[in-house]
Amino acid sequence: MNRRDFLSLTGCGCCGLILSNCSNAPITGRSQLTILPESMINSQAISAYKQVKQKAKLITDKDKIDPIITVGSRMERAIKYHFNSKNQKDPTENYDWEYILIDDPKTLNAWCMPGGKIAVYTGILEVTKDEHGLAAVMGHEIAHAVARHSLERASASLALNVGTIAADIALKGAISRTRNTVGQTTGMDVMQIGIFNPFTRYQESEADHLGLILSSLSGYELYGAVQVWERMQEKMKGKELPQFLSTHPSSATRINDLRNLIPRIKNEYPKIQNL
């Protein structure tokens, strides 16, 4: 078999794999590649979450953890109501929601693992300031889980790696040589810069979009998200990577995108009453 035949066969095989494993992101309807089973990703998340709880310094004071549980619980109910009202499958129907607060004032972060396993670091509370800011951050993180971003990222990575290896074999190592040459010359991985970073930035922007929707349905003030990123921009002044080198959009990009999205989302996804 010559190289052309090999590439043709491999390309057809990869396309068949991709086309047979496509799904749609909830709410946005964006087409997604989901090769791996969601149950596997969720199981791995549960195991990782247990390890975090064992190793991290957790805050269990009711006054401190309750605001996080309150915001999260409102979003849980809003998600369920939204999908039921549309007669659509609730992507979180099998979630076992859980919330922890980690005592780490230097970490400006929060996350939601697949399956609804959520962690908030005390450092981010200096940026969120109030329930509306907290809803902006938690809505963004929950949106990642609702949109199955971890599953999609793992599937895309698998598909790309398999396709790249096959093509590299057919091209007698040309792809590897190019990556190595560019890496040695610039210190950058062309695959990371050209494919993975733009892909993850897109997911982050989609999570910002969906996070606003969850905040709106839950009854929180959406401009709290803009204020969070304005405060984050100030904290990260001089520390942010150029956007093309980052897996996240810049603070300035996020602020601009959020401002543009808010009026439409307020109109299309109004607060759900009696949550």
Protein backbone atom coordinates (compact mmCIF):
# COMPACT_ATOMS: atom_id res chain seq x y z
CA MET A 1 0.00 0.00 0.00
CA ASN A 2 1.47 3.37 -0.99
CA ARG A 3 1.30 6.53 1.12
CA ARG A 4 -1.61 8.01 -0.81
CA ASP A 5 -3.71 4.87 -0.36
CA PHE A 6 -2.77 4.68 3.32
CA LEU A 7 -3.72 8.32 3.97
CA SER A 8 -6.98 7.88 2.08
CA LEU A 9 -7.89 4.76 4.06
CA THR A 10 -6.89 6.36 7.36
CA GLY A 11 -8.78 9.55 6.56
CA CYS A 12 -11.93 7.63 5.73
CA GLY A 13 -11.60 5.60 8.91
CA CYS A 14 -11.13 8.70 11.07
CA CYS A 15 -14.05 10.46 9.37
CA GLY A 16 -16.23 7.42 9.95
CA LEU A 17 -15.24 7.36 13.60
CA ILE A 18 -15.96 11.07 13.99
CA LEU A 19 -19.29 11.02 12.15
CA SER A 20 -20.54 8.01 14.10
CA ASN A 21 -19.69 9.59 17.45
CA CYS A 22 -21.06 13.11 17.11
CA SER A 23 -23.52 14.63 19.57
CA ASN A 24 -24.77 18.13 20.27
CA ALA A 25 -23.90 20.42 23.15
CA PRO A 26 -26.91 21.20 25.34
CA ILE A 27 -28.58 24.58 24.72
CA THR A 28 -26.09 25.83 22.12
CA GLY A 29 -26.63 22.78 19.89
CA ARG A 30 -23.00 22.83 18.75
CA SER A 31 -21.82 19.56 17.21
CA GLN A 32 -19.41 17.64 19.46
CA LEU A 33 -17.12 14.66 19.05
CA THR A 34 -17.72 12.20 21.91
CA ILE A 35 -15.81 8.99 21.25
CA LEU A 36 -15.33 7.99 24.88
CA PRO A 37 -18.21 6.87 27.14
CA GLU A 38 -19.46 9.57 29.50
CA SER A 39 -19.72 7.00 32.31
CA MET A 40 -15.93 6.47 32.15
CA ILE A 41 -15.21 10.20 32.45
CA ASN A 42 -17.67 10.57 35.33
CA SER A 43 -16.15 7.60 37.17
CA GLN A 44 -12.67 9.09 36.84
CA ALA A 45 -14.00 12.41 38.14
CA ILE A 46 -15.49 10.78 41.24
CA SER A 47 -12.15 9.14 42.02
CA ALA A 48 -10.22 12.38 41.49
CA TYR A 49 -12.68 14.33 43.65
CA LYS A 50 -12.22 11.88 46.53
CA GLN A 51 -8.47 12.40 46.34
CA VAL A 52 -8.89 16.18 46.40
CA LYS A 53 -11.10 15.96 49.50
CA GLN A 54 -8.53 13.79 51.25
CA LYS A 55 -5.59 16.07 50.52
CA ALA A 56 -7.04 19.60 50.53
CA LYS A 57 -7.73 21.74 53.58
CA LEU A 58 -11.52 21.93 53.55
CA ILE A 59 -13.62 24.62 55.19
CA THR A 60 -16.77 23.16 56.72
CA ASP A 61 -18.00 26.26 58.56
CA LYS A 62 -21.70 26.50 57.67
CA ASP A 63 -21.69 30.29 57.21
CA LYS A 64 -18.89 30.00 54.64
CA ILE A 65 -19.98 26.96 52.67
CA ASP A 66 -23.73 27.74 52.64
CA PRO A 67 -23.53 30.56 50.03
CA ILE A 68 -21.80 28.16 47.65
CA ILE A 69 -24.39 25.43 48.21
CA THR A 70 -27.21 27.98 47.82
CA VAL A 71 -25.97 29.21 44.43
CA GLY A 72 -25.24 25.70 43.24
CA SER A 73 -28.60 24.33 44.35
CA ARG A 74 -30.48 27.11 42.56
CA MET A 75 -28.58 26.27 39.39
CA GLU A 76 -29.31 22.56 39.83
CA ARG A 77 -33.03 23.31 39.94
CA ALA A 78 -32.82 25.82 37.08
CA ILE A 79 -31.09 23.28 34.83
CA LYS A 80 -33.66 20.61 35.61
CA TYR A 81 -36.60 22.97 35.07
CA HIS A 82 -35.18 24.36 31.82
CA PHE A 83 -34.71 21.00 30.13
CA ASN A 84 -37.99 19.59 31.43
CA SER A 85 -39.85 22.64 30.14
CA LYS A 86 -38.33 22.05 26.69
CA ASN A 87 -39.08 18.30 26.80
CA GLN A 88 -35.36 17.70 26.39
CA LYS A 89 -33.08 15.26 28.15
CA ASP A 90 -31.49 16.81 31.22
CA PRO A 91 -27.70 16.29 30.85
CA THR A 92 -27.36 16.40 34.64
CA GLU A 93 -30.10 13.88 35.48
CA ASN A 94 -27.57 11.35 36.83
CA TYR A 95 -25.38 13.88 38.60
CA ASP A 96 -24.59 13.43 42.28
CA TRP A 97 -23.99 17.10 43.11
CA GLU A 98 -21.44 17.90 45.79
CA TYR A 99 -19.78 21.13 46.96
CA ILE A 100 -16.55 21.79 48.85
CA LEU A 101 -14.74 24.98 49.86
CA ILE A 102 -10.95 24.70 49.87
CA ASP A 103 -8.91 26.95 52.14
CA ASP A 104 -6.36 28.33 49.69
CA PRO A 105 -6.30 32.13 49.50
CA LYS A 106 -3.62 32.14 46.76
CA THR A 107 -5.67 30.14 44.26
CA LEU A 108 -8.09 32.21 42.19
CA ASN A 109 -10.10 29.28 40.94
CA ALA A 110 -13.14 27.04 41.09
CA TRP A 111 -14.07 23.97 39.07
CA CYS A 112 -16.84 21.50 38.40
CA MET A 113 -15.90 17.96 37.46
CA PRO A 114 -18.16 15.79 35.29
CA GLY A 115 -20.96 14.42 37.43
CA GLY A 116 -21.42 17.63 39.42
CA LYS A 117 -18.41 17.53 41.74
CA ILE A 118 -17.65 21.16 42.55
CA ALA A 119 -14.81 22.90 44.37
CA VAL A 120 -14.38 26.58 45.18
CA TYR A 121 -11.10 28.03 46.49
CA THR A 122 -11.17 30.80 49.06
CA GLY A 123 -8.91 32.91 46.84
CA ILE A 124 -11.62 33.37 44.21
CA LEU A 125 -14.02 34.75 46.82
CA GLU A 126 -11.89 37.90 46.90
CA VAL A 127 -12.79 38.33 43.23
CA THR A 128 -16.44 37.26 43.27
CA LYS A 129 -17.30 39.52 46.25
CA ASP A 130 -21.04 38.71 46.37
CA GLU A 131 -23.63 36.10 45.32
CA HIS A 132 -23.88 37.50 41.80
CA GLY A 133 -20.13 37.25 41.26
CA LEU A 134 -20.14 33.79 42.83
CA ALA A 135 -22.96 32.76 40.49
CA ALA A 136 -20.92 34.00 37.51
CA VAL A 137 -17.94 31.83 38.45
CA MET A 138 -19.96 28.78 39.47
CA GLY A 139 -22.23 29.10 36.44
CA HIS A 140 -19.18 29.05 34.19
CA GLU A 141 -17.76 25.96 35.88
CA ILE A 142 -21.08 24.10 35.96
CA ALA A 143 -21.51 24.97 32.28
CA HIS A 144 -18.33 23.03 31.48
CA ALA A 145 -19.92 19.92 33.01
CA VAL A 146 -23.34 20.51 31.42
CA ALA A 147 -21.70 20.89 27.99
CA ARG A 148 -19.58 17.75 28.54
CA HIS A 149 -16.40 19.66 27.79
CA SER A 150 -14.11 17.17 29.57
CA LEU A 151 -15.56 14.31 27.54
CA GLU A 152 -15.26 16.30 24.33
CA ARG A 153 -11.67 17.33 25.07
CA ALA A 154 -10.59 13.78 25.86
CA SER A 155 -12.32 12.47 22.72
CA ALA A 156 -10.82 15.16 20.49
CA SER A 157 -7.36 14.51 21.92
CA LEU A 158 -7.70 10.79 21.26
CA ALA A 159 -8.93 11.31 17.70
CA LEU A 160 -6.21 13.85 16.92
CA ASN A 161 -3.44 11.71 18.36
CA VAL A 162 -4.56 8.63 16.43
CA GLY A 163 -4.91 10.62 13.21
CA THR A 164 -1.56 12.35 13.67
CA ILE A 165 0.28 9.09 14.36
CA ALA A 166 -1.27 7.46 11.29
CA ALA A 167 -0.40 10.43 9.08
CA ASP A 168 3.12 10.63 10.52
CA ILE A 169 3.74 6.98 9.68
CA ALA A 170 2.51 7.52 6.13
CA LEU A 171 4.66 10.65 5.75
CA LYS A 172 7.71 8.87 7.18
CA GLY A 173 7.96 11.05 10.30
CA ALA A 174 7.57 14.44 8.59
CA ILE A 175 5.07 15.68 11.18
CA SER A 176 7.31 14.70 14.12
CA ARG A 177 10.32 16.33 12.49
CA THR A 178 8.40 19.56 11.91
CA ARG A 179 7.14 19.64 15.52
CA ASN A 180 10.63 18.98 16.85
CA THR A 181 12.24 21.63 14.64
CA VAL A 182 9.70 24.30 15.56
CA GLY A 183 9.87 23.29 19.21
CA GLN A 184 13.66 23.55 19.32
CA THR A 185 13.63 26.87 17.47
CA THR A 186 10.79 28.63 19.31
CA GLY A 187 10.18 26.56 22.43
CA MET A 188 6.57 26.12 21.29
CA ASP A 189 4.55 23.08 20.24
CA VAL A 190 2.76 23.85 16.98
CA MET A 191 -0.01 21.36 17.82
CA GLN A 192 -0.60 23.03 21.17
CA ILE A 193 -0.56 26.55 19.76
CA GLY A 194 -2.41 25.81 16.55
CA ILE A 195 -5.02 23.25 17.62
CA PHE A 196 -5.38 22.59 21.36
CA ASN A 197 -5.23 26.19 22.59
CA PRO A 198 -7.86 27.53 20.14
CA PHE A 199 -10.10 24.54 20.92
CA THR A 200 -9.94 25.05 24.69
CA ARG A 201 -10.39 28.82 24.29
CA TYR A 202 -13.57 28.10 22.36
CA GLN A 203 -14.80 25.84 25.16
CA GLU A 204 -14.05 28.56 27.71
CA SER A 205 -16.05 31.09 25.68
CA GLU A 206 -18.92 28.63 25.38
CA ALA A 207 -18.82 28.09 29.15
CA ASP A 208 -18.97 31.87 29.65
CA HIS A 209 -22.04 31.94 27.39
CA LEU A 210 -23.77 29.00 29.08
CA GLY A 211 -22.76 30.29 32.50
CA LEU A 212 -24.61 33.54 31.83
CA ILE A 213 -27.67 31.53 30.83
CA LEU A 214 -27.55 29.50 34.06
CA SER A 215 -27.12 32.68 36.11
CA SER A 216 -30.05 34.33 34.34
CA LEU A 217 -32.36 31.33 34.76
CA SER A 218 -31.36 31.19 38.44
CA GLY A 219 -32.17 34.86 39.00
CA TYR A 220 -28.72 36.38 39.43
CA GLU A 221 -27.53 39.72 38.05
CA LEU A 222 -25.55 39.01 34.88
CA TYR A 223 -23.34 42.09 35.06
CA GLY A 224 -21.79 40.40 38.09
CA ALA A 225 -19.82 38.36 35.54
CA VAL A 226 -18.44 41.52 33.93
CA GLN A 227 -17.42 42.86 37.33
CA VAL A 228 -15.70 39.57 38.20
CA TRP A 229 -13.55 39.74 35.07
CA GLU A 230 -12.80 43.42 35.57
CA ARG A 231 -11.48 42.58 39.04
CA MET A 232 -9.62 39.56 37.67
CA GLN A 233 -8.07 41.71 34.94
CA GLU A 234 -6.77 44.09 37.59
CA LYS A 235 -5.35 41.24 39.70
CA MET A 236 -3.65 39.65 36.69
CA LYS A 237 -2.27 42.90 35.30
CA GLY A 238 1.10 42.20 33.71
CA LYS A 239 0.78 38.44 34.34
CA GLU A 240 -1.54 37.32 31.54
CA LEU A 241 -0.07 35.37 28.65
CA PRO A 242 -0.73 36.58 25.11
CA GLN A 243 -4.07 35.07 24.13
CA PHE A 244 -2.68 32.81 21.39
CA LEU A 245 -0.39 31.13 23.95
CA SER A 246 -3.19 30.60 26.45
CA THR A 247 -5.93 28.02 26.86
CA HIS A 248 -8.25 30.83 27.98
CA PRO A 249 -9.47 34.03 26.30
CA SER A 250 -7.91 37.20 27.68
CA SER A 251 -9.77 39.10 30.38
CA ALA A 252 -10.41 41.94 27.94
CA THR A 253 -11.93 39.56 25.39
CA ARG A 254 -14.15 37.97 28.02
CA ILE A 255 -15.38 41.33 29.32
CA ASN A 256 -16.27 42.48 25.81
CA ASP A 257 -17.98 39.18 24.91
CA LEU A 258 -19.97 39.11 28.15
CA ARG A 259 -21.20 42.68 27.68
CA ASN A 260 -22.40 41.79 24.18
CA LEU A 261 -24.16 38.61 25.31
CA ILE A 262 -25.98 39.92 28.39
CA PRO A 263 -28.87 41.86 26.78
CA ARG A 264 -29.86 38.91 24.57
CA ILE A 265 -29.56 36.34 27.33
CA LYS A 266 -31.64 38.42 29.72
CA ASN A 267 -34.38 38.50 27.09
CA GLU A 268 -34.20 34.87 25.94
CA TYR A 269 -33.55 33.18 29.30
CA PRO A 270 -35.46 35.10 31.98
CA LYS A 271 -35.45 34.14 35.64
CA ILE A 272 -37.38 30.99 36.49
CA GLN A 273 -39.91 31.83 39.16
CA ASN A 274 -40.25 29.89 42.43
CA LEU A 275 -36.96 28.00 42.22
